[in-house]
Amino acid sequence: KEDTGLFFFKGNPGERFAICNAGGAFAYVGAMQDSFPHALELSKQG
């Protein structure tokens, strides 16, 4: 559980939230292609 956690891409205060989950065949977490980009773009839209 040391290798878990949430990276937060903050939008507008009080706005709804989304959780983005990267793939990797349940063998690893490919966040740099499959969740970080999505979270960053969502935050840009508030």
PDB file of all heavy atoms in Angstrom:
ATOM      1  N   LYS A   1       0.817  -1.212   0.000  1.00  0.00           N
ATOM      2  CA  LYS A   1       0.000   0.000   0.000  1.00  0.00           C
ATOM      3  C   LYS A   1       0.856   1.269   0.000  1.00  0.00           C
ATOM      4  O   LYS A   1       0.334   2.370  -0.180  1.00  0.00           O
ATOM      5  CB  LYS A   1      -0.954  -0.012   1.192  1.00  0.00           C
ATOM      6  CG  LYS A   1      -2.048  -1.065   1.061  1.00  0.00           C
ATOM      7  CD  LYS A   1      -2.973  -1.089   2.273  1.00  0.00           C
ATOM      8  CE  LYS A   1      -4.071  -2.138   2.083  1.00  0.00           C
ATOM      9  NZ  LYS A   1      -4.940  -2.259   3.283  1.00  0.00           N
ATOM     10  N   GLU A   2       2.173   1.121   0.180  1.00  0.00           N
ATOM     11  CA  GLU A   2       3.068   2.267   0.041  1.00  0.00           C
ATOM     12  C   GLU A   2       3.017   2.826  -1.379  1.00  0.00           C
ATOM     13  O   GLU A   2       3.234   4.018  -1.600  1.00  0.00           O
ATOM     14  CB  GLU A   2       4.512   1.850   0.355  1.00  0.00           C
ATOM     15  CG  GLU A   2       4.782   1.520   1.806  1.00  0.00           C
ATOM     16  CD  GLU A   2       5.058   2.747   2.639  1.00  0.00           C
ATOM     17  OE1 GLU A   2       5.035   3.862   2.078  1.00  0.00           O
ATOM     18  OE2 GLU A   2       5.295   2.587   3.847  1.00  0.00           O
ATOM     19  N   ASP A   3       2.736   1.940  -2.338  1.00  0.00           N
ATOM     20  CA  ASP A   3       2.760   2.333  -3.752  1.00  0.00           C
ATOM     21  C   ASP A   3       1.364   2.694  -4.254  1.00  0.00           C
ATOM     22  O   ASP A   3       0.954   2.311  -5.356  1.00  0.00           O
ATOM     23  CB  ASP A   3       3.345   1.202  -4.599  1.00  0.00           C
ATOM     24  CG  ASP A   3       4.800   0.927  -4.243  1.00  0.00           C
ATOM     25  OD1 ASP A   3       5.491   1.850  -3.775  1.00  0.00           O
ATOM     26  OD2 ASP A   3       5.250  -0.220  -4.427  1.00  0.00           O
ATOM     27  N   THR A   4       0.613   3.416  -3.448  1.00  0.00           N
ATOM     28  CA  THR A   4      -0.726   3.857  -3.823  1.00  0.00           C
ATOM     29  C   THR A   4      -0.885   5.332  -3.481  1.00  0.00           C
ATOM     30  O   THR A   4      -0.104   5.900  -2.708  1.00  0.00           O
ATOM     31  CB  THR A   4      -1.818   3.070  -3.080  1.00  0.00           C
ATOM     32  OG1 THR A   4      -1.744   3.375  -1.659  1.00  0.00           O
ATOM     33  CG2 THR A   4      -1.650   1.561  -3.264  1.00  0.00           C
ATOM     34  N   GLY A   5      -1.895   5.949  -4.055  1.00  0.00           N
ATOM     35  CA  GLY A   5      -2.206   7.324  -3.710  1.00  0.00           C
ATOM     36  C   GLY A   5      -2.914   8.046  -4.834  1.00  0.00           C
ATOM     37  O   GLY A   5      -3.133   7.498  -5.922  1.00  0.00           O
ATOM     38  N   LEU A   6      -3.289   9.285  -4.571  1.00  0.00           N
ATOM     39  CA  LEU A   6      -4.019  10.105  -5.535  1.00  0.00           C
ATOM     40  C   LEU A   6      -3.202  11.340  -5.902  1.00  0.00           C
ATOM     41  O   LEU A   6      -2.833  12.134  -5.029  1.00  0.00           O
ATOM     42  CB  LEU A   6      -5.354  10.558  -4.944  1.00  0.00           C
ATOM     43  CG  LEU A   6      -6.474   9.527  -4.845  1.00  0.00           C
ATOM     44  CD1 LEU A   6      -7.601  10.067  -3.975  1.00  0.00           C
ATOM     45  CD2 LEU A   6      -7.003   9.151  -6.223  1.00  0.00           C
ATOM     46  N   PHE A   7      -2.926  11.500  -7.190  1.00  0.00           N
ATOM     47  CA  PHE A   7      -2.383  12.760  -7.684  1.00  0.00           C
ATOM     48  C   PHE A   7      -3.572  13.666  -8.003  1.00  0.00           C
ATOM     49  O   PHE A   7      -4.518  13.252  -8.683  1.00  0.00           O
ATOM     50  CB  PHE A   7      -1.528  12.534  -8.923  1.00  0.00           C
ATOM     51  CG  PHE A   7      -0.146  12.009  -8.610  1.00  0.00           C
ATOM     52  CD1 PHE A   7       0.111  10.648  -8.594  1.00  0.00           C
ATOM     53  CD2 PHE A   7       0.885  12.892  -8.315  1.00  0.00           C
ATOM     54  CE1 PHE A   7       1.380  10.171  -8.294  1.00  0.00           C
ATOM     55  CE2 PHE A   7       2.160  12.428  -8.018  1.00  0.00           C
ATOM     56  CZ  PHE A   7       2.404  11.060  -7.997  1.00  0.00           C
ATOM     57  N   PHE A   8      -3.503  14.893  -7.514  1.00  0.00           N
ATOM     58  CA  PHE A   8      -4.632  15.816  -7.610  1.00  0.00           C
ATOM     59  C   PHE A   8      -4.323  16.917  -8.613  1.00  0.00           C
ATOM     60  O   PHE A   8      -3.335  17.647  -8.484  1.00  0.00           O
ATOM     61  CB  PHE A   8      -4.915  16.409  -6.239  1.00  0.00           C
ATOM     62  CG  PHE A   8      -6.154  17.261  -6.151  1.00  0.00           C
ATOM     63  CD1 PHE A   8      -7.204  17.120  -7.054  1.00  0.00           C
ATOM     64  CD2 PHE A   8      -6.281  18.204  -5.148  1.00  0.00           C
ATOM     65  CE1 PHE A   8      -8.348  17.896  -6.964  1.00  0.00           C
ATOM     66  CE2 PHE A   8      -7.418  18.994  -5.041  1.00  0.00           C
ATOM     67  CZ  PHE A   8      -8.456  18.840  -5.954  1.00  0.00           C
ATOM     68  N   PHE A   9      -5.198  17.041  -9.620  1.00  0.00           N
ATOM     69  CA  PHE A   9      -5.136  18.119 -10.600  1.00  0.00           C
ATOM     70  C   PHE A   9      -6.343  19.013 -10.307  1.00  0.00           C
ATOM     71  O   PHE A   9      -7.455  18.724 -10.741  1.00  0.00           O
ATOM     72  CB  PHE A   9      -5.174  17.556 -12.017  1.00  0.00           C
ATOM     73  CG  PHE A   9      -3.975  16.708 -12.371  1.00  0.00           C
ATOM     74  CD1 PHE A   9      -3.851  15.418 -11.881  1.00  0.00           C
ATOM     75  CD2 PHE A   9      -2.970  17.205 -13.201  1.00  0.00           C
ATOM     76  CE1 PHE A   9      -2.752  14.627 -12.202  1.00  0.00           C
ATOM     77  CE2 PHE A   9      -1.866  16.427 -13.524  1.00  0.00           C
ATOM     78  CZ  PHE A   9      -1.758  15.130 -13.028  1.00  0.00           C
ATOM     79  N   LYS A  10      -6.090  20.078  -9.572  1.00  0.00           N
ATOM     80  CA  LYS A  10      -7.186  20.872  -9.020  1.00  0.00           C
ATOM     81  C   LYS A  10      -7.854  21.750 -10.060  1.00  0.00           C
ATOM     82  O   LYS A  10      -7.184  22.397 -10.864  1.00  0.00           O
ATOM     83  CB  LYS A  10      -6.669  21.736  -7.874  1.00  0.00           C
ATOM     84  CG  LYS A  10      -7.773  22.399  -7.054  1.00  0.00           C
ATOM     85  CD  LYS A  10      -7.186  23.086  -5.834  1.00  0.00           C
ATOM     86  CE  LYS A  10      -8.275  23.721  -4.970  1.00  0.00           C
ATOM     87  NZ  LYS A  10      -9.236  22.732  -4.457  1.00  0.00           N
ATOM     88  N   GLY A  11      -9.174  21.757 -10.028  1.00  0.00           N
ATOM     89  CA  GLY A  11      -9.963  22.619 -10.888  1.00  0.00           C
ATOM     90  C   GLY A  11     -10.538  23.771 -10.082  1.00  0.00           C
ATOM     91  O   GLY A  11      -9.893  24.301  -9.178  1.00  0.00           O
ATOM     92  N   ASN A  12     -11.762  24.149 -10.388  1.00  0.00           N
ATOM     93  CA  ASN A  12     -12.409  25.239  -9.668  1.00  0.00           C
ATOM     94  C   ASN A  12     -12.912  24.760  -8.312  1.00  0.00           C
ATOM     95  O   ASN A  12     -13.485  23.667  -8.210  1.00  0.00           O
ATOM     96  CB  ASN A  12     -13.588  25.784 -10.476  1.00  0.00           C
ATOM     97  CG  ASN A  12     -13.153  26.397 -11.788  1.00  0.00           C
ATOM     98  OD1 ASN A  12     -12.039  26.914 -11.911  1.00  0.00           O
ATOM     99  ND2 ASN A  12     -14.021  26.341 -12.788  1.00  0.00           N
ATOM    100  N   PRO A  13     -12.725  25.544  -7.258  1.00  0.00           N
ATOM    101  CA  PRO A  13     -13.243  25.159  -5.951  1.00  0.00           C
ATOM    102  C   PRO A  13     -14.749  24.917  -6.011  1.00  0.00           C
ATOM    103  O   PRO A  13     -15.496  25.714  -6.587  1.00  0.00           O
ATOM    104  CB  PRO A  13     -12.909  26.370  -5.069  1.00  0.00           C
ATOM    105  CG  PRO A  13     -11.745  27.014  -5.746  1.00  0.00           C
ATOM    106  CD  PRO A  13     -11.974  26.820  -7.210  1.00  0.00           C
ATOM    107  N   GLY A  14     -15.181  23.792  -5.445  1.00  0.00           N
ATOM    108  CA  GLY A  14     -16.601  23.474  -5.410  1.00  0.00           C
ATOM    109  C   GLY A  14     -17.120  22.757  -6.640  1.00  0.00           C
ATOM    110  O   GLY A  14     -18.300  22.394  -6.697  1.00  0.00           O
ATOM    111  N   GLU A  15     -16.248  22.544  -7.635  1.00  0.00           N
ATOM    112  CA  GLU A  15     -16.677  21.819  -8.845  1.00  0.00           C
ATOM    113  C   GLU A  15     -16.654  20.311  -8.576  1.00  0.00           C
ATOM    114  O   GLU A  15     -16.032  19.827  -7.643  1.00  0.00           O
ATOM    115  CB  GLU A  15     -15.755  22.187 -10.008  1.00  0.00           C
ATOM    116  CG  GLU A  15     -16.133  21.575 -11.355  1.00  0.00           C
ATOM    117  CD  GLU A  15     -17.554  21.880 -11.785  1.00  0.00           C
ATOM    118  OE1 GLU A  15     -17.778  22.926 -12.419  1.00  0.00           O
ATOM    119  OE2 GLU A  15     -18.441  21.046 -11.450  1.00  0.00           O
ATOM    120  N   ARG A  16     -17.368  19.563  -9.422  1.00  0.00           N
ATOM    121  CA  ARG A  16     -17.424  18.111  -9.285  1.00  0.00           C
ATOM    122  C   ARG A  16     -16.055  17.489  -9.566  1.00  0.00           C
ATOM    123  O   ARG A  16     -15.176  18.137 -10.119  1.00  0.00           O
ATOM    124  CB  ARG A  16     -18.483  17.535 -10.218  1.00  0.00           C
ATOM    125  CG  ARG A  16     -19.896  17.899  -9.802  1.00  0.00           C
ATOM    126  CD  ARG A  16     -20.943  17.420 -10.798  1.00  0.00           C
ATOM    127  NE  ARG A  16     -22.284  17.597 -10.277  1.00  0.00           N
ATOM    128  CZ  ARG A  16     -22.957  18.745 -10.299  1.00  0.00           C
ATOM    129  NH1 ARG A  16     -22.398  19.806 -10.853  1.00  0.00           N
ATOM    130  NH2 ARG A  16     -24.167  18.822  -9.787  1.00  0.00           N
ATOM    131  N   PHE A  17     -15.921  16.204  -9.217  1.00  0.00           N
ATOM    132  CA  PHE A  17     -14.631  15.558  -9.398  1.00  0.00           C
ATOM    133  C   PHE A  17     -14.741  14.318 -10.271  1.00  0.00           C
ATOM    134  O   PHE A  17     -15.809  13.718 -10.432  1.00  0.00           O
ATOM    135  CB  PHE A  17     -13.992  15.204  -8.048  1.00  0.00           C
ATOM    136  CG  PHE A  17     -14.587  14.001  -7.342  1.00  0.00           C
ATOM    137  CD1 PHE A  17     -14.148  12.714  -7.630  1.00  0.00           C
ATOM    138  CD2 PHE A  17     -15.572  14.162  -6.375  1.00  0.00           C
ATOM    139  CE1 PHE A  17     -14.663  11.609  -6.972  1.00  0.00           C
ATOM    140  CE2 PHE A  17     -16.111  13.071  -5.710  1.00  0.00           C
ATOM    141  CZ  PHE A  17     -15.647  11.784  -6.013  1.00  0.00           C
ATOM    142  N   ALA A  18     -13.605  13.945 -10.826  1.00  0.00           N
ATOM    143  CA  ALA A  18     -13.465  12.722 -11.604  1.00  0.00           C
ATOM    144  C   ALA A  18     -12.230  11.982 -11.104  1.00  0.00           C
ATOM    145  O   ALA A  18     -11.246  12.614 -10.711  1.00  0.00           O
ATOM    146  CB  ALA A  18     -13.308  13.042 -13.093  1.00  0.00           C
ATOM    147  N   ILE A  19     -12.285  10.662 -11.118  1.00  0.00           N
ATOM    148  CA  ILE A  19     -11.109   9.847 -10.814  1.00  0.00           C
ATOM    149  C   ILE A  19     -10.712   9.126 -12.094  1.00  0.00           C
ATOM    150  O   ILE A  19     -11.517   8.411 -12.692  1.00  0.00           O
ATOM    151  CB  ILE A  19     -11.371   8.823  -9.708  1.00  0.00           C
ATOM    152  CG1 ILE A  19     -11.852   9.507  -8.426  1.00  0.00           C
ATOM    153  CG2 ILE A  19     -10.103   8.011  -9.428  1.00  0.00           C
ATOM    154  CD1 ILE A  19     -12.157   8.550  -7.296  1.00  0.00           C
ATOM    155  N   CYS A  20      -9.467   9.303 -12.512  1.00  0.00           N
ATOM    156  CA  CYS A  20      -8.947   8.686 -13.727  1.00  0.00           C
ATOM    157  C   CYS A  20      -8.056   7.501 -13.361  1.00  0.00           C
ATOM    158  O   CYS A  20      -7.172   7.629 -12.506  1.00  0.00           O
ATOM    159  CB  CYS A  20      -8.154   9.706 -14.546  1.00  0.00           C
ATOM    160  SG  CYS A  20      -9.107  11.174 -15.007  1.00  0.00           S
ATOM    161  N   ASN A  21      -8.293   6.369 -14.015  1.00  0.00           N
ATOM    162  CA  ASN A  21      -7.600   5.127 -13.686  1.00  0.00           C
ATOM    163  C   ASN A  21      -6.854   4.609 -14.913  1.00  0.00           C
ATOM    164  O   ASN A  21      -7.469   4.262 -15.923  1.00  0.00           O
ATOM    165  CB  ASN A  21      -8.609   4.078 -13.215  1.00  0.00           C
ATOM    166  CG  ASN A  21      -9.435   4.573 -12.051  1.00  0.00           C
ATOM    167  OD1 ASN A  21      -8.994   4.553 -10.916  1.00  0.00           O
ATOM    168  ND2 ASN A  21     -10.650   5.052 -12.332  1.00  0.00           N
ATOM    169  N   ALA A  22      -5.547   4.565 -14.823  1.00  0.00           N
ATOM    170  CA  ALA A  22      -4.735   4.093 -15.938  1.00  0.00           C
ATOM    171  C   ALA A  22      -4.799   2.579 -16.061  1.00  0.00           C
ATOM    172  O   ALA A  22      -5.095   1.872 -15.098  1.00  0.00           O
ATOM    173  CB  ALA A  22      -3.288   4.531 -15.748  1.00  0.00           C
ATOM    174  N   GLY A  23      -4.486   2.098 -17.255  1.00  0.00           N
ATOM    175  CA  GLY A  23      -4.392   0.661 -17.486  1.00  0.00           C
ATOM    176  C   GLY A  23      -2.983   0.160 -17.274  1.00  0.00           C
ATOM    177  O   GLY A  23      -2.127   0.844 -16.716  1.00  0.00           O
ATOM    178  N   GLY A  24      -2.760  -1.056 -17.754  1.00  0.00           N
ATOM    179  CA  GLY A  24      -1.477  -1.723 -17.578  1.00  0.00           C
ATOM    180  C   GLY A  24      -1.657  -3.194 -17.287  1.00  0.00           C
ATOM    181  O   GLY A  24      -0.796  -3.833 -16.699  1.00  0.00           O
ATOM    182  N   ALA A  25      -2.811  -3.748 -17.724  1.00  0.00           N
ATOM    183  CA  ALA A  25      -3.119  -5.178 -17.578  1.00  0.00           C
ATOM    184  C   ALA A  25      -3.089  -5.641 -16.123  1.00  0.00           C
ATOM    185  O   ALA A  25      -2.841  -6.811 -15.848  1.00  0.00           O
ATOM    186  CB  ALA A  25      -2.168  -6.026 -18.426  1.00  0.00           C
ATOM    187  N   PHE A  26      -3.329  -4.735 -15.186  1.00  0.00           N
ATOM    188  CA  PHE A  26      -3.268  -5.030 -13.760  1.00  0.00           C
ATOM    189  C   PHE A  26      -1.886  -5.512 -13.339  1.00  0.00           C
ATOM    190  O   PHE A  26      -1.733  -6.159 -12.295  1.00  0.00           O
ATOM    191  CB  PHE A  26      -4.340  -6.050 -13.346  1.00  0.00           C
ATOM    192  CG  PHE A  26      -5.736  -5.513 -13.455  1.00  0.00           C
ATOM    193  CD1 PHE A  26      -6.653  -6.081 -14.323  1.00  0.00           C
ATOM    194  CD2 PHE A  26      -6.134  -4.420 -12.701  1.00  0.00           C
ATOM    195  CE1 PHE A  26      -7.937  -5.579 -14.429  1.00  0.00           C
ATOM    196  CE2 PHE A  26      -7.415  -3.910 -12.799  1.00  0.00           C
ATOM    197  CZ  PHE A  26      -8.320  -4.494 -13.663  1.00  0.00           C
ATOM    198  N   ALA A  27      -0.876  -5.206 -14.163  1.00  0.00           N
ATOM    199  CA  ALA A  27       0.501  -5.544 -13.834  1.00  0.00           C
ATOM    200  C   ALA A  27       1.280  -4.302 -13.419  1.00  0.00           C
ATOM    201  O   ALA A  27       2.222  -4.385 -12.636  1.00  0.00           O
ATOM    202  CB  ALA A  27       1.185  -6.209 -15.024  1.00  0.00           C
ATOM    203  N   TYR A  28       0.898  -3.148 -13.975  1.00  0.00           N
ATOM    204  CA  TYR A  28       1.517  -1.878 -13.608  1.00  0.00           C
ATOM    205  C   TYR A  28       0.531  -0.765 -13.917  1.00  0.00           C
ATOM    206  O   TYR A  28      -0.554  -1.007 -14.468  1.00  0.00           O
ATOM    207  CB  TYR A  28       2.836  -1.677 -14.359  1.00  0.00           C
ATOM    208  CG  TYR A  28       2.702  -1.134 -15.776  1.00  0.00           C
ATOM    209  CD1 TYR A  28       2.983   0.198 -16.061  1.00  0.00           C
ATOM    210  CD2 TYR A  28       2.280  -1.953 -16.826  1.00  0.00           C
ATOM    211  CE1 TYR A  28       2.869   0.697 -17.347  1.00  0.00           C
ATOM    212  CE2 TYR A  28       2.164  -1.456 -18.116  1.00  0.00           C
ATOM    213  CZ  TYR A  28       2.453  -0.134 -18.376  1.00  0.00           C
ATOM    214  OH  TYR A  28       2.325   0.370 -19.645  1.00  0.00           O
ATOM    215  N   VAL A  29       0.876   0.462 -13.552  1.00  0.00           N
ATOM    216  CA  VAL A  29      -0.006   1.612 -13.735  1.00  0.00           C
ATOM    217  C   VAL A  29       0.624   2.570 -14.747  1.00  0.00           C
ATOM    218  O   VAL A  29       1.623   3.228 -14.459  1.00  0.00           O
ATOM    219  CB  VAL A  29      -0.253   2.342 -12.395  1.00  0.00           C
ATOM    220  CG1 VAL A  29      -1.225   3.512 -12.602  1.00  0.00           C
ATOM    221  CG2 VAL A  29      -0.799   1.380 -11.345  1.00  0.00           C
ATOM    222  N   GLY A  30       0.027   2.649 -15.951  1.00  0.00           N
ATOM    223  CA  GLY A  30       0.551   3.495 -17.021  1.00  0.00           C
ATOM    224  C   GLY A  30       0.003   4.900 -16.964  1.00  0.00           C
ATOM    225  O   GLY A  30      -0.568   5.405 -17.943  1.00  0.00           O
ATOM    226  N   ALA A  31       0.186   5.570 -15.842  1.00  0.00           N
ATOM    227  CA  ALA A  31      -0.467   6.852 -15.600  1.00  0.00           C
ATOM    228  C   ALA A  31      -0.059   7.950 -16.563  1.00  0.00           C
ATOM    229  O   ALA A  31      -0.876   8.812 -16.911  1.00  0.00           O
ATOM    230  CB  ALA A  31      -0.206   7.306 -14.161  1.00  0.00           C
ATOM    231  N   MET A  32       1.197   7.947 -17.011  1.00  0.00           N
ATOM    232  CA  MET A  32       1.663   9.060 -17.843  1.00  0.00           C
ATOM    233  C   MET A  32       0.968   9.125 -19.199  1.00  0.00           C
ATOM    234  O   MET A  32       0.950  10.172 -19.839  1.00  0.00           O
ATOM    235  CB  MET A  32       3.184   8.969 -18.026  1.00  0.00           C
ATOM    236  CG  MET A  32       3.809  10.224 -18.602  1.00  0.00           C
ATOM    237  SD  MET A  32       3.453  11.749 -17.669  1.00  0.00           S
ATOM    238  CE  MET A  32       4.525  11.545 -16.252  1.00  0.00           C
ATOM    239  N   GLN A  33       0.349   8.038 -19.624  1.00  0.00           N
ATOM    240  CA  GLN A  33      -0.407   8.054 -20.873  1.00  0.00           C
ATOM    241  C   GLN A  33      -1.907   7.930 -20.638  1.00  0.00           C
ATOM    242  O   GLN A  33      -2.693   8.416 -21.437  1.00  0.00           O
ATOM    243  CB  GLN A  33       0.060   6.911 -21.790  1.00  0.00           C
ATOM    244  CG  GLN A  33      -0.788   6.655 -23.025  1.00  0.00           C
ATOM    245  CD  GLN A  33      -0.647   7.721 -24.102  1.00  0.00           C
ATOM    246  OE1 GLN A  33      -0.115   8.794 -23.856  1.00  0.00           O
ATOM    247  NE2 GLN A  33      -1.114   7.431 -25.295  1.00  0.00           N
ATOM    248  N   ASP A  34      -2.295   7.318 -19.533  1.00  0.00           N
ATOM    249  CA  ASP A  34      -3.668   6.836 -19.414  1.00  0.00           C
ATOM    250  C   ASP A  34      -4.478   7.443 -18.275  1.00  0.00           C
ATOM    251  O   ASP A  34      -5.642   7.086 -18.115  1.00  0.00           O
ATOM    252  CB  ASP A  34      -3.638   5.307 -19.247  1.00  0.00           C
ATOM    253  CG  ASP A  34      -4.684   4.609 -20.092  1.00  0.00           C
ATOM    254  OD1 ASP A  34      -5.252   5.248 -20.999  1.00  0.00           O
ATOM    255  OD2 ASP A  34      -4.927   3.418 -19.850  1.00  0.00           O
ATOM    256  N   SER A  35      -3.887   8.325 -17.473  1.00  0.00           N
ATOM    257  CA  SER A  35      -4.699   9.008 -16.452  1.00  0.00           C
ATOM    258  C   SER A  35      -4.207  10.431 -16.186  1.00  0.00           C
ATOM    259  O   SER A  35      -5.026  11.343 -16.062  1.00  0.00           O
ATOM    260  CB  SER A  35      -4.725   8.212 -15.140  1.00  0.00           C
ATOM    261  OG  SER A  35      -3.433   8.048 -14.600  1.00  0.00           O
ATOM    262  N   PHE A  36      -2.896  10.661 -16.120  1.00  0.00           N
ATOM    263  CA  PHE A  36      -2.403  12.026 -15.923  1.00  0.00           C
ATOM    264  C   PHE A  36      -2.853  12.981 -17.027  1.00  0.00           C
ATOM    265  O   PHE A  36      -3.310  14.093 -16.726  1.00  0.00           O
ATOM    266  CB  PHE A  36      -0.869  12.035 -15.846  1.00  0.00           C
ATOM    267  CG  PHE A  36      -0.284  11.418 -14.601  1.00  0.00           C
ATOM    268  CD1 PHE A  36       1.044  11.012 -14.577  1.00  0.00           C
ATOM    269  CD2 PHE A  36      -1.045  11.243 -13.451  1.00  0.00           C
ATOM    270  CE1 PHE A  36       1.602  10.457 -13.433  1.00  0.00           C
ATOM    271  CE2 PHE A  36      -0.501  10.681 -12.302  1.00  0.00           C
ATOM    272  CZ  PHE A  36       0.833  10.280 -12.303  1.00  0.00           C
ATOM    273  N   PRO A  37      -2.751  12.597 -18.311  1.00  0.00           N
ATOM    274  CA  PRO A  37      -3.195  13.537 -19.353  1.00  0.00           C
ATOM    275  C   PRO A  37      -4.670  13.887 -19.236  1.00  0.00           C
ATOM    276  O   PRO A  37      -5.071  15.042 -19.426  1.00  0.00           O
ATOM    277  CB  PRO A  37      -2.903  12.783 -20.661  1.00  0.00           C
ATOM    278  CG  PRO A  37      -1.851  11.780 -20.304  1.00  0.00           C
ATOM    279  CD  PRO A  37      -2.169  11.369 -18.905  1.00  0.00           C
ATOM    280  N   HIS A  38      -5.495  12.891 -18.928  1.00  0.00           N
ATOM    281  CA  HIS A  38      -6.932  13.109 -18.806  1.00  0.00           C
ATOM    282  C   HIS A  38      -7.229  14.040 -17.629  1.00  0.00           C
ATOM    283  O   HIS A  38      -8.038  14.971 -17.733  1.00  0.00           O
ATOM    284  CB  HIS A  38      -7.643  11.779 -18.598  1.00  0.00           C
ATOM    285  CG  HIS A  38      -7.345  10.747 -19.642  1.00  0.00           C
ATOM    286  ND1 HIS A  38      -6.075  10.251 -19.850  1.00  0.00           N
ATOM    287  CD2 HIS A  38      -8.140  10.103 -20.530  1.00  0.00           C
ATOM    288  CE1 HIS A  38      -6.097   9.365 -20.828  1.00  0.00           C
ATOM    289  NE2 HIS A  38      -7.345   9.260 -21.263  1.00  0.00           N
ATOM    290  N   ALA A  39      -6.558  13.769 -16.499  1.00  0.00           N
ATOM    291  CA  ALA A  39      -6.796  14.581 -15.314  1.00  0.00           C
ATOM    292  C   ALA A  39      -6.367  16.030 -15.545  1.00  0.00           C
ATOM    293  O   ALA A  39      -7.055  16.969 -15.127  1.00  0.00           O
ATOM    294  CB  ALA A  39      -6.043  13.985 -14.124  1.00  0.00           C
ATOM    295  N   LEU A  40      -5.240  16.219 -16.223  1.00  0.00           N
ATOM    296  CA  LEU A  40      -4.781  17.584 -16.499  1.00  0.00           C
ATOM    297  C   LEU A  40      -5.771  18.328 -17.388  1.00  0.00           C
ATOM    298  O   LEU A  40      -6.111  19.493 -17.126  1.00  0.00           O
ATOM    299  CB  LEU A  40      -3.403  17.553 -17.159  1.00  0.00           C
ATOM    300  CG  LEU A  40      -2.799  18.913 -17.532  1.00  0.00           C
ATOM    301  CD1 LEU A  40      -2.698  19.819 -16.324  1.00  0.00           C
ATOM    302  CD2 LEU A  40      -1.436  18.730 -18.191  1.00  0.00           C
ATOM    303  N   GLU A  41      -6.260  17.668 -18.433  1.00  0.00           N
ATOM    304  CA  GLU A  41      -7.213  18.314 -19.333  1.00  0.00           C
ATOM    305  C   GLU A  41      -8.523  18.618 -18.620  1.00  0.00           C
ATOM    306  O   GLU A  41      -9.140  19.677 -18.840  1.00  0.00           O
ATOM    307  CB  GLU A  41      -7.457  17.433 -20.554  1.00  0.00           C
ATOM    308  CG  GLU A  41      -6.283  17.343 -21.498  1.00  0.00           C
ATOM    309  CD  GLU A  41      -5.803  18.712 -21.968  1.00  0.00           C
ATOM    310  OE1 GLU A  41      -6.653  19.523 -22.404  1.00  0.00           O
ATOM    311  OE2 GLU A  41      -4.601  18.988 -21.881  1.00  0.00           O
ATOM    312  N   LEU A  42      -8.982  17.714 -17.777  1.00  0.00           N
ATOM    313  CA  LEU A  42     -10.210  17.961 -17.013  1.00  0.00           C
ATOM    314  C   LEU A  42     -10.044  19.163 -16.091  1.00  0.00           C
ATOM    315  O   LEU A  42     -10.950  19.996 -15.964  1.00  0.00           O
ATOM    316  CB  LEU A  42     -10.581  16.717 -16.203  1.00  0.00           C
ATOM    317  CG  LEU A  42     -11.190  15.556 -16.996  1.00  0.00           C
ATOM    318  CD1 LEU A  42     -11.158  14.269 -16.180  1.00  0.00           C
ATOM    319  CD2 LEU A  42     -12.624  15.876 -17.412  1.00  0.00           C
ATOM    320  N   SER A  43      -8.879  19.280 -15.461  1.00  0.00           N
ATOM    321  CA  SER A  43      -8.647  20.408 -14.555  1.00  0.00           C
ATOM    322  C   SER A  43      -8.619  21.733 -15.321  1.00  0.00           C
ATOM    323  O   SER A  43      -9.061  22.760 -14.808  1.00  0.00           O
ATOM    324  CB  SER A  43      -7.338  20.213 -13.787  1.00  0.00           C
ATOM    325  OG  SER A  43      -6.205  20.373 -14.624  1.00  0.00           O
ATOM    326  N   LYS A  44      -8.108  21.698 -16.547  1.00  0.00           N
ATOM    327  CA  LYS A  44      -8.090  22.913 -17.364  1.00  0.00           C
ATOM    328  C   LYS A  44      -9.505  23.403 -17.661  1.00  0.00           C
ATOM    329  O   LYS A  44      -9.726  24.598 -17.878  1.00  0.00           O
ATOM    330  CB  LYS A  44      -7.351  22.655 -18.673  1.00  0.00           C
ATOM    331  CG  LYS A  44      -5.850  22.490 -18.535  1.00  0.00           C
ATOM    332  CD  LYS A  44      -5.222  22.199 -19.891  1.00  0.00           C
ATOM    333  CE  LYS A  44      -3.717  22.040 -19.796  1.00  0.00           C
ATOM    334  NZ  LYS A  44      -3.111  21.706 -21.128  1.00  0.00           N
ATOM    335  N   GLN A  45     -10.455  22.473 -17.665  1.00  0.00           N
ATOM    336  CA  GLN A  45     -11.846  22.843 -17.920  1.00  0.00           C
ATOM    337  C   GLN A  45     -12.624  23.081 -16.628  1.00  0.00           C
ATOM    338  O   GLN A  45     -13.850  23.182 -16.640  1.00  0.00           O
ATOM    339  CB  GLN A  45     -12.515  21.774 -18.771  1.00  0.00           C
ATOM    340  CG  GLN A  45     -11.870  21.616 -20.143  1.00  0.00           C
ATOM    341  CD  GLN A  45     -12.755  20.900 -21.138  1.00  0.00           C
ATOM    342  OE1 GLN A  45     -13.981  21.046 -21.118  1.00  0.00           O
ATOM    343  NE2 GLN A  45     -12.148  20.134 -22.043  1.00  0.00           N
ATOM    344  N   GLY A  46     -11.902  23.140 -15.510  1.00  0.00           N
ATOM    345  CA  GLY A  46     -12.517  23.510 -14.243  1.00  0.00           C
ATOM    346  C   GLY A  46     -12.882  22.367 -13.334  1.00  0.00           C
ATOM    347  O   GLY A  46     -13.248  22.596 -12.171  1.00  0.00           O
TER     348      GLY A  46
END
